[in-house]
Full PDB file with SEQRES, HELIX, SHEET, SSBOND, CRYST1, ORIGX, SCALE, CONECT and MASTER records, all heavy atoms in Angstrom:
SEQRES   1 A   41  THR PHE PRO LYS ARG ARG GLU GLY GLU THR VAL ARG LEU          
SEQRES   2 A   41  PHE PRO GLU ILE ASP ARG GLY ALA LEU ALA TYR ILE GLN          
SEQRES   3 A   41  ASP ILE ILE GLU ALA SER GLN ASP THR GLN LYS ARG GLU          
SEQRES   4 A   41  HIS ILE                                                      
HELIX    1 AA1 ARG A   19  ALA A   31  1                                  13    
HELIX    2 AA2 THR A   35  HIS A   40  1                                   6    
CRYST1    1.000    1.000    1.000  90.00  90.00  90.00 P 1           1          
ORIGX1      1.000000  0.000000  0.000000        0.00000                         
ORIGX2      0.000000  1.000000  0.000000        0.00000                         
ORIGX3      0.000000  0.000000  1.000000        0.00000                         
SCALE1      1.000000  0.000000  0.000000        0.00000                         
SCALE2      0.000000  1.000000  0.000000        0.00000                         
SCALE3      0.000000  0.000000  1.000000        0.00000                         
ATOM      1  N   THR A   1      -5.273  17.258   3.937  1.00  0.00           N  
ATOM      2  CA  THR A   1      -5.673  16.442   2.846  1.00  0.00           C  
ATOM      3  C   THR A   1      -4.744  16.591   1.730  1.00  0.00           C  
ATOM      4  O   THR A   1      -3.936  17.505   1.669  1.00  0.00           O  
ATOM      5  CB  THR A   1      -7.157  16.890   2.353  1.00  0.00           C  
ATOM      6  OG1 THR A   1      -7.049  18.267   2.025  1.00  0.00           O  
ATOM      7  CG2 THR A   1      -8.154  16.628   3.489  1.00  0.00           C  
ATOM      8  N   PHE A   2      -4.900  15.642   0.756  1.00  0.00           N  
ATOM      9  CA  PHE A   2      -4.221  15.824  -0.481  1.00  0.00           C  
ATOM     10  C   PHE A   2      -5.355  16.325  -1.541  1.00  0.00           C  
ATOM     11  O   PHE A   2      -6.183  15.435  -1.987  1.00  0.00           O  
ATOM     12  CB  PHE A   2      -3.586  14.564  -1.000  1.00  0.00           C  
ATOM     13  CG  PHE A   2      -2.352  14.155  -0.262  1.00  0.00           C  
ATOM     14  CD1 PHE A   2      -2.469  13.280   0.832  1.00  0.00           C  
ATOM     15  CD2 PHE A   2      -1.055  14.701  -0.605  1.00  0.00           C  
ATOM     16  CE1 PHE A   2      -1.336  12.807   1.524  1.00  0.00           C  
ATOM     17  CE2 PHE A   2      -0.052  14.359   0.214  1.00  0.00           C  
ATOM     18  CZ  PHE A   2      -0.148  13.440   1.171  1.00  0.00           C  
ATOM     19  N   PRO A   3      -5.392  17.459  -1.873  1.00  0.00           N  
ATOM     20  CA  PRO A   3      -6.448  17.960  -2.794  1.00  0.00           C  
ATOM     21  C   PRO A   3      -6.347  17.311  -4.190  1.00  0.00           C  
ATOM     22  O   PRO A   3      -5.266  17.072  -4.581  1.00  0.00           O  
ATOM     23  CB  PRO A   3      -6.105  19.474  -3.019  1.00  0.00           C  
ATOM     24  CG  PRO A   3      -4.693  19.621  -2.558  1.00  0.00           C  
ATOM     25  CD  PRO A   3      -4.388  18.524  -1.652  1.00  0.00           C  
ATOM     26  N   LYS A   4      -7.615  17.094  -4.705  1.00  0.00           N  
ATOM     27  CA  LYS A   4      -7.651  16.482  -6.023  1.00  0.00           C  
ATOM     28  C   LYS A   4      -7.308  17.379  -7.142  1.00  0.00           C  
ATOM     29  O   LYS A   4      -7.517  18.526  -7.050  1.00  0.00           O  
ATOM     30  CB  LYS A   4      -9.071  15.843  -6.232  1.00  0.00           C  
ATOM     31  CG  LYS A   4      -9.152  14.939  -7.393  1.00  0.00           C  
ATOM     32  CD  LYS A   4     -10.566  14.221  -7.405  1.00  0.00           C  
ATOM     33  CE  LYS A   4     -10.587  13.281  -8.541  1.00  0.00           C  
ATOM     34  NZ  LYS A   4      -9.652  12.124  -8.251  1.00  0.00           N  
ATOM     35  N   ARG A   5      -6.459  16.885  -8.056  1.00  0.00           N  
ATOM     36  CA  ARG A   5      -6.031  17.795  -9.218  1.00  0.00           C  
ATOM     37  C   ARG A   5      -7.222  18.008 -10.107  1.00  0.00           C  
ATOM     38  O   ARG A   5      -7.908  17.113 -10.404  1.00  0.00           O  
ATOM     39  CB  ARG A   5      -4.753  17.191  -9.931  1.00  0.00           C  
ATOM     40  CG  ARG A   5      -3.634  16.807  -9.039  1.00  0.00           C  
ATOM     41  CD  ARG A   5      -2.547  16.280  -9.968  1.00  0.00           C  
ATOM     42  NE  ARG A   5      -1.834  17.455 -10.528  1.00  0.00           N  
ATOM     43  CZ  ARG A   5      -0.998  18.239  -9.896  1.00  0.00           C  
ATOM     44  NH1 ARG A   5      -0.610  18.037  -8.659  1.00  0.00           N  
ATOM     45  NH2 ARG A   5      -0.472  19.272 -10.659  1.00  0.00           N  
ATOM     46  N   ARG A   6      -7.234  19.218 -10.795  1.00  0.00           N  
ATOM     47  CA  ARG A   6      -8.152  19.484 -11.762  1.00  0.00           C  
ATOM     48  C   ARG A   6      -7.256  19.486 -13.039  1.00  0.00           C  
ATOM     49  O   ARG A   6      -6.402  20.469 -13.141  1.00  0.00           O  
ATOM     50  CB  ARG A   6      -8.804  20.848 -11.614  1.00  0.00           C  
ATOM     51  CG  ARG A   6      -9.953  20.753 -10.369  1.00  0.00           C  
ATOM     52  CD  ARG A   6     -10.532  22.098 -10.170  1.00  0.00           C  
ATOM     53  NE  ARG A   6      -9.473  23.113  -9.702  1.00  0.00           N  
ATOM     54  CZ  ARG A   6      -9.755  24.364  -9.485  1.00  0.00           C  
ATOM     55  NH1 ARG A   6     -11.022  24.772  -9.713  1.00  0.00           N  
ATOM     56  NH2 ARG A   6      -8.844  25.203  -9.082  1.00  0.00           N  
ATOM     57  N   GLU A   7      -7.622  18.733 -13.906  1.00  0.00           N  
ATOM     58  CA  GLU A   7      -6.731  18.446 -15.119  1.00  0.00           C  
ATOM     59  C   GLU A   7      -6.557  19.822 -15.852  1.00  0.00           C  
ATOM     60  O   GLU A   7      -7.434  20.501 -16.296  1.00  0.00           O  
ATOM     61  CB  GLU A   7      -7.338  17.522 -16.065  1.00  0.00           C  
ATOM     62  CG  GLU A   7      -6.481  17.093 -17.229  1.00  0.00           C  
ATOM     63  CD  GLU A   7      -7.003  16.107 -18.073  1.00  0.00           C  
ATOM     64  OE1 GLU A   7      -7.899  15.399 -17.567  1.00  0.00           O  
ATOM     65  OE2 GLU A   7      -6.504  15.746 -19.173  1.00  0.00           O  
ATOM     66  N   GLY A   8      -5.210  20.181 -16.105  1.00  0.00           N  
ATOM     67  CA  GLY A   8      -4.874  21.336 -16.891  1.00  0.00           C  
ATOM     68  C   GLY A   8      -5.008  22.618 -15.999  1.00  0.00           C  
ATOM     69  O   GLY A   8      -4.763  23.741 -16.543  1.00  0.00           O  
ATOM     70  N   GLU A   9      -5.509  22.691 -14.829  1.00  0.00           N  
ATOM     71  CA  GLU A   9      -5.648  23.781 -13.953  1.00  0.00           C  
ATOM     72  C   GLU A   9      -4.828  23.916 -12.691  1.00  0.00           C  
ATOM     73  O   GLU A   9      -4.447  24.928 -12.295  1.00  0.00           O  
ATOM     74  CB  GLU A   9      -7.151  23.982 -13.584  1.00  0.00           C  
ATOM     75  CG  GLU A   9      -8.036  24.088 -14.701  1.00  0.00           C  
ATOM     76  CD  GLU A   9      -9.564  24.235 -14.309  1.00  0.00           C  
ATOM     77  OE1 GLU A   9      -9.835  24.574 -13.111  1.00  0.00           O  
ATOM     78  OE2 GLU A   9     -10.506  23.842 -14.964  1.00  0.00           O  
ATOM     79  N   THR A  10      -4.498  22.605 -12.246  1.00  0.00           N  
ATOM     80  CA  THR A  10      -3.914  22.593 -10.965  1.00  0.00           C  
ATOM     81  C   THR A  10      -2.205  22.860 -11.075  1.00  0.00           C  
ATOM     82  O   THR A  10      -1.706  22.017 -11.709  1.00  0.00           O  
ATOM     83  CB  THR A  10      -4.026  21.341 -10.234  1.00  0.00           C  
ATOM     84  OG1 THR A  10      -5.486  21.168  -9.976  1.00  0.00           O  
ATOM     85  CG2 THR A  10      -3.304  21.237  -8.881  1.00  0.00           C  
ATOM     86  N   VAL A  11      -1.754  23.889 -10.525  1.00  0.00           N  
ATOM     87  CA  VAL A  11      -0.345  24.178 -10.607  1.00  0.00           C  
ATOM     88  C   VAL A  11       0.392  23.647  -9.186  1.00  0.00           C  
ATOM     89  O   VAL A  11       1.589  23.815  -9.136  1.00  0.00           O  
ATOM     90  CB  VAL A  11      -0.106  25.639 -10.707  1.00  0.00           C  
ATOM     91  CG1 VAL A  11      -0.440  26.030 -12.161  1.00  0.00           C  
ATOM     92  CG2 VAL A  11      -0.729  26.572  -9.843  1.00  0.00           C  
ATOM     93  N   ARG A  12      -0.338  23.215  -8.251  1.00  0.00           N  
ATOM     94  CA  ARG A  12       0.218  22.598  -7.070  1.00  0.00           C  
ATOM     95  C   ARG A  12       0.992  21.497  -7.647  1.00  0.00           C  
ATOM     96  O   ARG A  12       0.744  20.703  -8.457  1.00  0.00           O  
ATOM     97  CB  ARG A  12      -0.843  22.136  -6.140  1.00  0.00           C  
ATOM     98  CG  ARG A  12      -1.809  23.185  -5.497  1.00  0.00           C  
ATOM     99  CD  ARG A  12      -2.729  22.501  -4.441  1.00  0.00           C  
ATOM    100  NE  ARG A  12      -2.091  22.029  -3.334  1.00  0.00           N  
ATOM    101  CZ  ARG A  12      -2.093  22.615  -2.050  1.00  0.00           C  
ATOM    102  NH1 ARG A  12      -2.899  23.602  -1.954  1.00  0.00           N  
ATOM    103  NH2 ARG A  12      -1.513  22.073  -1.107  1.00  0.00           N  
ATOM    104  N   LEU A  13       2.188  21.253  -6.809  1.00  0.00           N  
ATOM    105  CA  LEU A  13       3.044  20.137  -7.158  1.00  0.00           C  
ATOM    106  C   LEU A  13       2.430  18.810  -6.808  1.00  0.00           C  
ATOM    107  O   LEU A  13       1.430  18.777  -6.036  1.00  0.00           O  
ATOM    108  CB  LEU A  13       4.439  20.370  -6.457  1.00  0.00           C  
ATOM    109  CG  LEU A  13       5.142  21.656  -6.770  1.00  0.00           C  
ATOM    110  CD1 LEU A  13       6.546  21.690  -5.997  1.00  0.00           C  
ATOM    111  CD2 LEU A  13       5.507  21.695  -8.356  1.00  0.00           C  
ATOM    112  N   PHE A  14       2.925  17.836  -7.327  1.00  0.00           N  
ATOM    113  CA  PHE A  14       2.429  16.456  -6.888  1.00  0.00           C  
ATOM    114  C   PHE A  14       2.966  16.271  -5.403  1.00  0.00           C  
ATOM    115  O   PHE A  14       3.881  16.867  -5.004  1.00  0.00           O  
ATOM    116  CB  PHE A  14       2.983  15.363  -7.899  1.00  0.00           C  
ATOM    117  CG  PHE A  14       2.561  15.592  -9.249  1.00  0.00           C  
ATOM    118  CD1 PHE A  14       3.104  16.370 -10.227  1.00  0.00           C  
ATOM    119  CD2 PHE A  14       1.253  14.851  -9.699  1.00  0.00           C  
ATOM    120  CE1 PHE A  14       2.641  16.452 -11.525  1.00  0.00           C  
ATOM    121  CE2 PHE A  14       0.782  14.964 -10.854  1.00  0.00           C  
ATOM    122  CZ  PHE A  14       1.398  15.721 -11.806  1.00  0.00           C  
ATOM    123  N   PRO A  15       2.272  15.265  -4.790  1.00  0.00           N  
ATOM    124  CA  PRO A  15       2.672  15.000  -3.456  1.00  0.00           C  
ATOM    125  C   PRO A  15       4.212  14.599  -3.250  1.00  0.00           C  
ATOM    126  O   PRO A  15       4.704  14.155  -4.253  1.00  0.00           O  
ATOM    127  CB  PRO A  15       1.835  13.760  -2.994  1.00  0.00           C  
ATOM    128  CG  PRO A  15       0.647  13.846  -3.860  1.00  0.00           C  
ATOM    129  CD  PRO A  15       1.205  14.387  -5.204  1.00  0.00           C  
ATOM    130  N   GLU A  16       4.706  14.913  -2.062  1.00  0.00           N  
ATOM    131  CA  GLU A  16       6.191  14.485  -1.867  1.00  0.00           C  
ATOM    132  C   GLU A  16       6.196  13.076  -1.503  1.00  0.00           C  
ATOM    133  O   GLU A  16       5.149  12.395  -1.075  1.00  0.00           O  
ATOM    134  CB  GLU A  16       6.693  15.264  -0.625  1.00  0.00           C  
ATOM    135  CG  GLU A  16       6.858  16.775  -0.887  1.00  0.00           C  
ATOM    136  CD  GLU A  16       7.552  17.508   0.281  1.00  0.00           C  
ATOM    137  OE1 GLU A  16       7.897  16.758   1.205  1.00  0.00           O  
ATOM    138  OE2 GLU A  16       7.663  18.720   0.221  1.00  0.00           O  
ATOM    139  N   ILE A  17       7.353  12.492  -1.926  1.00  0.00           N  
ATOM    140  CA  ILE A  17       7.414  11.012  -1.563  1.00  0.00           C  
ATOM    141  C   ILE A  17       7.761  10.796  -0.060  1.00  0.00           C  
ATOM    142  O   ILE A  17       8.875  11.367   0.361  1.00  0.00           O  
ATOM    143  CB  ILE A  17       8.534  10.486  -2.447  1.00  0.00           C  
ATOM    144  CG1 ILE A  17       8.198  10.600  -4.044  1.00  0.00           C  
ATOM    145  CG2 ILE A  17       8.788   8.958  -2.170  1.00  0.00           C  
ATOM    146  CD1 ILE A  17       9.361  10.283  -4.938  1.00  0.00           C  
ATOM    147  N   ASP A  18       7.052  10.065   0.618  1.00  0.00           N  
ATOM    148  CA  ASP A  18       7.336   9.635   1.929  1.00  0.00           C  
ATOM    149  C   ASP A  18       7.536   8.109   1.920  1.00  0.00           C  
ATOM    150  O   ASP A  18       6.522   7.442   1.934  1.00  0.00           O  
ATOM    151  CB  ASP A  18       6.419  10.213   3.018  1.00  0.00           C  
ATOM    152  CG  ASP A  18       6.802   9.952   4.418  1.00  0.00           C  
ATOM    153  OD1 ASP A  18       6.998   8.768   4.776  1.00  0.00           O  
ATOM    154  OD2 ASP A  18       7.051  10.934   5.083  1.00  0.00           O  
ATOM    155  N   ARG A  19       8.745   7.626   1.982  1.00  0.00           N  
ATOM    156  CA  ARG A  19       8.889   6.161   1.880  1.00  0.00           C  
ATOM    157  C   ARG A  19       8.287   5.353   3.027  1.00  0.00           C  
ATOM    158  O   ARG A  19       7.773   4.323   2.877  1.00  0.00           O  
ATOM    159  CB  ARG A  19      10.423   5.910   1.748  1.00  0.00           C  
ATOM    160  CG  ARG A  19      11.053   6.508   0.440  1.00  0.00           C  
ATOM    161  CD  ARG A  19      12.448   6.693   0.570  1.00  0.00           C  
ATOM    162  NE  ARG A  19      13.067   7.176  -0.644  1.00  0.00           N  
ATOM    163  CZ  ARG A  19      13.004   8.397  -1.221  1.00  0.00           C  
ATOM    164  NH1 ARG A  19      12.239   9.298  -0.581  1.00  0.00           N  
ATOM    165  NH2 ARG A  19      13.586   8.747  -2.217  1.00  0.00           N  
ATOM    166  N   GLY A  20       8.398   5.916   4.276  1.00  0.00           N  
ATOM    167  CA  GLY A  20       7.769   5.403   5.363  1.00  0.00           C  
ATOM    168  C   GLY A  20       6.266   5.177   5.250  1.00  0.00           C  
ATOM    169  O   GLY A  20       5.696   4.207   5.662  1.00  0.00           O  
ATOM    170  N   ALA A  21       5.645   6.149   4.804  1.00  0.00           N  
ATOM    171  CA  ALA A  21       4.207   6.316   4.613  1.00  0.00           C  
ATOM    172  C   ALA A  21       3.753   5.279   3.595  1.00  0.00           C  
ATOM    173  O   ALA A  21       2.815   4.479   3.659  1.00  0.00           O  
ATOM    174  CB  ALA A  21       3.798   7.595   4.286  1.00  0.00           C  
ATOM    175  N   LEU A  22       4.491   5.152   2.453  1.00  0.00           N  
ATOM    176  CA  LEU A  22       4.227   4.241   1.355  1.00  0.00           C  
ATOM    177  C   LEU A  22       4.348   2.845   1.827  1.00  0.00           C  
ATOM    178  O   LEU A  22       3.537   1.915   1.654  1.00  0.00           O  
ATOM    179  CB  LEU A  22       5.169   4.428   0.152  1.00  0.00           C  
ATOM    180  CG  LEU A  22       4.808   5.678  -0.603  1.00  0.00           C  
ATOM    181  CD1 LEU A  22       6.023   5.942  -1.648  1.00  0.00           C  
ATOM    182  CD2 LEU A  22       3.537   5.725  -1.292  1.00  0.00           C  
ATOM    183  N   ALA A  23       5.384   2.503   2.679  1.00  0.00           N  
ATOM    184  CA  ALA A  23       5.625   1.258   3.174  1.00  0.00           C  
ATOM    185  C   ALA A  23       4.426   0.848   4.168  1.00  0.00           C  
ATOM    186  O   ALA A  23       4.018  -0.380   4.106  1.00  0.00           O  
ATOM    187  CB  ALA A  23       6.885   1.077   3.834  1.00  0.00           C  
ATOM    188  N   TYR A  24       3.979   1.876   4.874  1.00  0.00           N  
ATOM    189  CA  TYR A  24       2.849   1.673   5.754  1.00  0.00           C  
ATOM    190  C   TYR A  24       1.662   1.162   5.020  1.00  0.00           C  
ATOM    191  O   TYR A  24       0.884   0.235   5.373  1.00  0.00           O  
ATOM    192  CB  TYR A  24       2.621   2.832   6.621  1.00  0.00           C  
ATOM    193  CG  TYR A  24       1.373   2.642   7.696  1.00  0.00           C  
ATOM    194  CD1 TYR A  24       1.635   2.241   8.904  1.00  0.00           C  
ATOM    195  CD2 TYR A  24       0.158   3.085   7.255  1.00  0.00           C  
ATOM    196  CE1 TYR A  24       0.505   2.079   9.820  1.00  0.00           C  
ATOM    197  CE2 TYR A  24      -0.977   3.008   8.089  1.00  0.00           C  
ATOM    198  CZ  TYR A  24      -0.788   2.437   9.472  1.00  0.00           C  
ATOM    199  OH  TYR A  24      -1.758   2.367  10.215  1.00  0.00           O  
ATOM    200  N   ILE A  25       1.312   1.927   3.987  1.00  0.00           N  
ATOM    201  CA  ILE A  25       0.108   1.722   3.155  1.00  0.00           C  
ATOM    202  C   ILE A  25       0.154   0.162   2.557  1.00  0.00           C  
ATOM    203  O   ILE A  25      -0.775  -0.492   2.621  1.00  0.00           O  
ATOM    204  CB  ILE A  25      -0.018   2.725   1.943  1.00  0.00           C  
ATOM    205  CG1 ILE A  25      -0.284   4.038   2.553  1.00  0.00           C  
ATOM    206  CG2 ILE A  25      -1.078   2.176   0.974  1.00  0.00           C  
ATOM    207  CD1 ILE A  25      -0.162   5.102   1.524  1.00  0.00           C  
ATOM    208  N   GLN A  26       1.343  -0.162   1.982  1.00  0.00           N  
ATOM    209  CA  GLN A  26       1.489  -1.522   1.496  1.00  0.00           C  
ATOM    210  C   GLN A  26       1.278  -2.629   2.551  1.00  0.00           C  
ATOM    211  O   GLN A  26       0.600  -3.571   2.341  1.00  0.00           O  
ATOM    212  CB  GLN A  26       2.865  -1.696   0.792  1.00  0.00           C  
ATOM    213  CG  GLN A  26       3.012  -3.068   0.219  1.00  0.00           C  
ATOM    214  CD  GLN A  26       4.601  -3.379   0.010  1.00  0.00           C  
ATOM    215  OE1 GLN A  26       5.399  -2.490  -0.138  1.00  0.00           O  
ATOM    216  NE2 GLN A  26       4.798  -4.716  -0.117  1.00  0.00           N  
ATOM    217  N   ASP A  27       1.852  -2.404   3.756  1.00  0.00           N  
ATOM    218  CA  ASP A  27       1.719  -3.280   4.926  1.00  0.00           C  
ATOM    219  C   ASP A  27       0.294  -3.469   5.194  1.00  0.00           C  
ATOM    220  O   ASP A  27      -0.209  -4.646   5.281  1.00  0.00           O  
ATOM    221  CB  ASP A  27       2.381  -2.742   6.068  1.00  0.00           C  
ATOM    222  CG  ASP A  27       3.863  -3.136   6.116  1.00  0.00           C  
ATOM    223  OD1 ASP A  27       4.283  -3.899   5.355  1.00  0.00           O  
ATOM    224  OD2 ASP A  27       4.514  -2.535   7.169  1.00  0.00           O  
ATOM    225  N   ILE A  28      -0.580  -2.405   5.406  1.00  0.00           N  
ATOM    226  CA  ILE A  28      -1.826  -2.618   5.880  1.00  0.00           C  
ATOM    227  C   ILE A  28      -2.719  -3.133   4.865  1.00  0.00           C  
ATOM    228  O   ILE A  28      -3.666  -4.019   5.109  1.00  0.00           O  
ATOM    229  CB  ILE A  28      -2.489  -1.305   6.375  1.00  0.00           C  
ATOM    230  CG1 ILE A  28      -1.413  -0.708   7.395  1.00  0.00           C  
ATOM    231  CG2 ILE A  28      -3.788  -1.542   7.173  1.00  0.00           C  
ATOM    232  CD1 ILE A  28      -1.196  -1.604   8.567  1.00  0.00           C  
ATOM    233  N   ILE A  29      -2.542  -2.804   3.548  1.00  0.00           N  
ATOM    234  CA  ILE A  29      -3.334  -3.408   2.474  1.00  0.00           C  
ATOM    235  C   ILE A  29      -3.094  -4.891   2.430  1.00  0.00           C  
ATOM    236  O   ILE A  29      -4.146  -5.657   2.297  1.00  0.00           O  
ATOM    237  CB  ILE A  29      -3.172  -2.647   1.195  1.00  0.00           C  
ATOM    238  CG1 ILE A  29      -3.591  -1.252   1.149  1.00  0.00           C  
ATOM    239  CG2 ILE A  29      -3.758  -3.512  -0.026  1.00  0.00           C  
ATOM    240  CD1 ILE A  29      -3.226  -0.490  -0.072  1.00  0.00           C  
ATOM    241  N   GLU A  30      -1.897  -5.246   2.452  1.00  0.00           N  
ATOM    242  CA  GLU A  30      -1.642  -6.741   2.445  1.00  0.00           C  
ATOM    243  C   GLU A  30      -2.114  -7.441   3.630  1.00  0.00           C  
ATOM    244  O   GLU A  30      -2.710  -8.566   3.577  1.00  0.00           O  
ATOM    245  CB  GLU A  30      -0.070  -6.882   2.263  1.00  0.00           C  
ATOM    246  CG  GLU A  30       0.449  -6.497   0.920  1.00  0.00           C  
ATOM    247  CD  GLU A  30       1.977  -6.700   0.652  1.00  0.00           C  
ATOM    248  OE1 GLU A  30       2.636  -6.938   1.764  1.00  0.00           O  
ATOM    249  OE2 GLU A  30       2.384  -6.707  -0.475  1.00  0.00           O  
ATOM    250  N   ALA A  31      -2.052  -6.882   4.762  1.00  0.00           N  
ATOM    251  CA  ALA A  31      -2.534  -7.419   6.046  1.00  0.00           C  
ATOM    252  C   ALA A  31      -4.067  -7.632   5.988  1.00  0.00           C  
ATOM    253  O   ALA A  31      -4.641  -8.364   6.721  1.00  0.00           O  
ATOM    254  CB  ALA A  31      -2.043  -6.611   7.245  1.00  0.00           C  
ATOM    255  N   SER A  32      -4.674  -6.768   5.131  1.00  0.00           N  
ATOM    256  CA  SER A  32      -6.209  -6.798   5.108  1.00  0.00           C  
ATOM    257  C   SER A  32      -6.669  -8.136   4.369  1.00  0.00           C  
ATOM    258  O   SER A  32      -7.842  -8.626   4.561  1.00  0.00           O  
ATOM    259  CB  SER A  32      -6.680  -5.595   4.187  1.00  0.00           C  
ATOM    260  OG  SER A  32      -6.507  -5.691   2.892  1.00  0.00           O  
ATOM    261  N   GLN A  33      -5.708  -8.837   3.719  1.00  0.00           N  
ATOM    262  CA  GLN A  33      -5.995 -10.044   2.897  1.00  0.00           C  
ATOM    263  C   GLN A  33      -5.254 -11.238   3.528  1.00  0.00           C  
ATOM    264  O   GLN A  33      -5.601 -12.303   3.052  1.00  0.00           O  
ATOM    265  CB  GLN A  33      -5.693  -9.740   1.403  1.00  0.00           C  
ATOM    266  CG  GLN A  33      -6.397  -8.598   0.852  1.00  0.00           C  
ATOM    267  CD  GLN A  33      -7.870  -8.833   0.566  1.00  0.00           C  
ATOM    268  OE1 GLN A  33      -8.253 -10.006   0.436  1.00  0.00           O  
ATOM    269  NE2 GLN A  33      -8.628  -7.857   0.587  1.00  0.00           N  
ATOM    270  N   ASP A  34      -4.273 -10.895   4.271  1.00  0.00           N  
ATOM    271  CA  ASP A  34      -3.311 -12.074   4.701  1.00  0.00           C  
ATOM    272  C   ASP A  34      -3.302 -12.129   6.245  1.00  0.00           C  
ATOM    273  O   ASP A  34      -2.707 -11.221   6.900  1.00  0.00           O  
ATOM    274  CB  ASP A  34      -1.968 -11.746   4.096  1.00  0.00           C  
ATOM    275  CG  ASP A  34      -0.887 -12.819   4.418  1.00  0.00           C  
ATOM    276  OD1 ASP A  34      -1.042 -13.570   5.304  1.00  0.00           O  
ATOM    277  OD2 ASP A  34       0.010 -13.034   3.525  1.00  0.00           O  
ATOM    278  N   THR A  35      -3.981 -13.148   6.751  1.00  0.00           N  
ATOM    279  CA  THR A  35      -4.131 -13.363   8.173  1.00  0.00           C  
ATOM    280  C   THR A  35      -2.642 -13.489   8.795  1.00  0.00           C  
ATOM    281  O   THR A  35      -2.404 -12.975   9.840  1.00  0.00           O  
ATOM    282  CB  THR A  35      -4.822 -14.616   8.502  1.00  0.00           C  
ATOM    283  OG1 THR A  35      -6.198 -14.465   7.884  1.00  0.00           O  
ATOM    284  CG2 THR A  35      -5.022 -14.855  10.044  1.00  0.00           C  
ATOM    285  N   GLN A  36      -1.831 -14.250   8.159  1.00  0.00           N  
ATOM    286  CA  GLN A  36      -0.506 -14.542   8.645  1.00  0.00           C  
ATOM    287  C   GLN A  36       0.330 -13.133   8.854  1.00  0.00           C  
ATOM    288  O   GLN A  36       1.064 -13.014   9.819  1.00  0.00           O  
ATOM    289  CB  GLN A  36       0.238 -15.541   7.835  1.00  0.00           C  
ATOM    290  CG  GLN A  36       1.709 -15.930   8.343  1.00  0.00           C  
ATOM    291  CD  GLN A  36       2.374 -17.047   7.631  1.00  0.00           C  
ATOM    292  OE1 GLN A  36       1.802 -17.366   6.523  1.00  0.00           O  
ATOM    293  NE2 GLN A  36       3.376 -17.509   8.024  1.00  0.00           N  
ATOM    294  N   LYS A  37       0.237 -12.407   7.764  1.00  0.00           N  
ATOM    295  CA  LYS A  37       0.956 -11.124   7.798  1.00  0.00           C  
ATOM    296  C   LYS A  37       0.336 -10.241   8.923  1.00  0.00           C  
ATOM    297  O   LYS A  37       1.047  -9.549   9.622  1.00  0.00           O  
ATOM    298  CB  LYS A  37       0.902 -10.479   6.461  1.00  0.00           C  
ATOM    299  CG  LYS A  37       1.446  -9.042   6.429  1.00  0.00           C  
ATOM    300  CD  LYS A  37       1.949  -8.622   5.159  1.00  0.00           C  
ATOM    301  CE  LYS A  37       2.773  -7.170   5.315  1.00  0.00           C  
ATOM    302  NZ  LYS A  37       3.467  -6.868   4.192  1.00  0.00           N  
ATOM    303  N   ARG A  38      -0.882 -10.282   8.934  1.00  0.00           N  
ATOM    304  CA  ARG A  38      -1.553  -9.399   9.942  1.00  0.00           C  
ATOM    305  C   ARG A  38      -1.112  -9.741  11.421  1.00  0.00           C  
ATOM    306  O   ARG A  38      -0.757  -8.955  12.252  1.00  0.00           O  
ATOM    307  CB  ARG A  38      -3.094  -9.484   9.846  1.00  0.00           C  
ATOM    308  CG  ARG A  38      -3.809  -8.526  10.815  1.00  0.00           C  
ATOM    309  CD  ARG A  38      -5.286  -8.412  10.322  1.00  0.00           C  
ATOM    310  NE  ARG A  38      -6.013  -9.672  10.477  1.00  0.00           N  
ATOM    311  CZ  ARG A  38      -6.518 -10.376   9.414  1.00  0.00           C  
ATOM    312  NH1 ARG A  38      -6.225  -9.904   8.200  1.00  0.00           N  
ATOM    313  NH2 ARG A  38      -7.172 -11.505   9.603  1.00  0.00           N  
ATOM    314  N   GLU A  39      -1.028 -11.009  11.678  1.00  0.00           N  
ATOM    315  CA  GLU A  39      -0.645 -11.536  12.952  1.00  0.00           C  
ATOM    316  C   GLU A  39       0.886 -11.214  13.260  1.00  0.00           C  
ATOM    317  O   GLU A  39       1.290 -10.899  14.365  1.00  0.00           O  
ATOM    318  CB  GLU A  39      -0.796 -13.017  13.169  1.00  0.00           C  
ATOM    319  CG  GLU A  39      -0.541 -13.598  14.404  1.00  0.00           C  
ATOM    320  CD  GLU A  39      -1.344 -12.962  15.611  1.00  0.00           C  
ATOM    321  OE1 GLU A  39      -2.489 -12.512  15.349  1.00  0.00           O  
ATOM    322  OE2 GLU A  39      -0.812 -12.831  16.792  1.00  0.00           O  
ATOM    323  N   HIS A  40       1.694 -11.292  12.189  1.00  0.00           N  
ATOM    324  CA  HIS A  40       3.028 -10.905  12.223  1.00  0.00           C  
ATOM    325  C   HIS A  40       3.247  -9.477  12.708  1.00  0.00           C  
ATOM    326  O   HIS A  40       4.135  -9.162  13.515  1.00  0.00           O  
ATOM    327  CB  HIS A  40       3.793 -11.290  11.051  1.00  0.00           C  
ATOM    328  CG  HIS A  40       5.263 -11.593  11.120  1.00  0.00           C  
ATOM    329  ND1 HIS A  40       6.087 -12.181  10.025  1.00  0.00           N  
ATOM    330  CD2 HIS A  40       6.097 -11.384  12.131  1.00  0.00           C  
ATOM    331  CE1 HIS A  40       7.256 -12.373  10.562  1.00  0.00           C  
ATOM    332  NE2 HIS A  40       7.356 -11.896  11.713  1.00  0.00           N  
ATOM    333  N   ILE A  41       2.495  -8.682  12.095  1.00  0.00           N  
ATOM    334  CA  ILE A  41       2.607  -7.157  12.376  1.00  0.00           C  
ATOM    335  C   ILE A  41       2.052  -6.989  13.832  1.00  0.00           C  
ATOM    336  O   ILE A  41       2.679  -6.236  14.544  1.00  0.00           O  
ATOM    337  CB  ILE A  41       1.757  -6.384  11.514  1.00  0.00           C  
ATOM    338  CG1 ILE A  41       2.252  -6.386  10.034  1.00  0.00           C  
ATOM    339  CG2 ILE A  41       1.507  -4.923  11.918  1.00  0.00           C  
ATOM    340  CD1 ILE A  41       1.564  -5.700   8.979  1.00  0.00           C  
TER     341      ILE A  41                                                      
MASTER        0    0    0    2    0    0    0    6  340    1    0    4          
END                                                                             
């Protein structure tokens, strides 16, 4: 999991950037609304 930050208390760093994972998220969100994109995937 990615634990939720508690304002002013959490010293854990922010999540690392994973470009592939971000691209995947964008893909599936757009595909949830776009039939053509979903079929293309």
